[in-house]
Structures are given as C-alpha cells and as structure tokens.
Amino acid sequence: MDTFMAEHPDIRWSGKPFDIPGGRSVAFQDPAGNTLHLMDQSAPEPTG
C-alpha cells in the first residue's frame, strides 16, 4: 500500500491508509470524482 501510494502521487487520495483484518485500505477519487477503495490483503498476520 505505502509503495503503491508513493509510486502514484498524482492520485487524489481521500485520507490516510488504515489497518483492516489481513492488511490495509485507503480510498481515492477517480478523475470523475467517484470514490474507490484500494485494499491490500497481503499481511502475514491478521491486523485490526
């Protein structure tokens, strides 16, 4: 998640990433203003 965000600074992030069970999540807006949620479920240990 952090690497993806750093590699895409042009994306309009709608907040900071937060922990969810099994990984992390963050929201962003597409060019039309729709909110999308990006989830990373690759945590080796459950979080949240």
Protein backbone atom coordinates (compact mmCIF):
# COMPACT_ATOMS: atom_id res chain seq x y z
CA MET A 1 0.00 0.00 0.00
CA ASP A 2 2.65 2.53 1.02
CA THR A 3 4.79 1.68 -2.02
CA PHE A 4 1.82 1.98 -4.39
CA MET A 5 0.86 5.35 -2.91
CA ALA A 6 4.44 6.63 -3.19
CA GLU A 7 4.62 5.49 -6.83
CA HIS A 8 1.32 7.27 -7.70
CA PRO A 9 1.48 10.77 -6.19
CA ASP A 10 -0.92 12.07 -8.87
CA ILE A 11 -3.84 10.06 -7.46
CA ARG A 12 -6.28 12.08 -5.33
CA TRP A 13 -6.07 10.16 -2.05
CA SER A 14 -9.08 10.61 0.25
CA GLY A 15 -7.29 10.14 3.54
CA LYS A 16 -4.55 8.03 5.02
CA PRO A 17 -4.27 4.23 4.84
CA PHE A 18 -5.71 2.33 7.77
CA ASP A 19 -5.45 -1.23 9.07
CA ILE A 20 -8.13 -3.78 8.24
CA PRO A 21 -8.21 -7.51 9.06
CA GLY A 22 -5.48 -9.07 6.94
CA GLY A 23 -3.99 -5.86 5.55
CA ARG A 24 -4.62 -2.17 4.88
CA SER A 25 -7.10 0.01 2.99
CA VAL A 26 -7.24 3.53 1.57
CA ALA A 27 -9.75 5.48 -0.51
CA PHE A 28 -9.12 7.69 -3.53
CA GLN A 29 -11.09 9.54 -6.18
CA ASP A 30 -11.03 8.79 -9.88
CA PRO A 31 -11.00 11.63 -12.46
CA ALA A 32 -14.83 11.75 -12.43
CA GLY A 33 -14.88 12.21 -8.64
CA ASN A 34 -16.05 8.69 -7.76
CA THR A 35 -14.60 7.31 -4.53
CA LEU A 36 -12.80 3.98 -4.89
CA HIS A 37 -11.34 1.79 -2.15
CA LEU A 38 -7.98 0.06 -2.51
CA MET A 39 -7.41 -2.93 -0.22
CA ASP A 40 -4.19 -4.84 0.36
CA GLN A 41 -4.84 -8.26 1.89
CA SER A 42 -1.21 -9.43 1.96
CA ALA A 43 -0.44 -9.04 5.69
CA PRO A 44 1.34 -12.13 7.05
CA GLU A 45 -0.54 -11.76 10.34
CA PRO A 46 -4.13 -10.56 10.82
CA THR A 47 -4.34 -6.88 11.77
CA GLY A 48 -7.13 -4.66 13.01
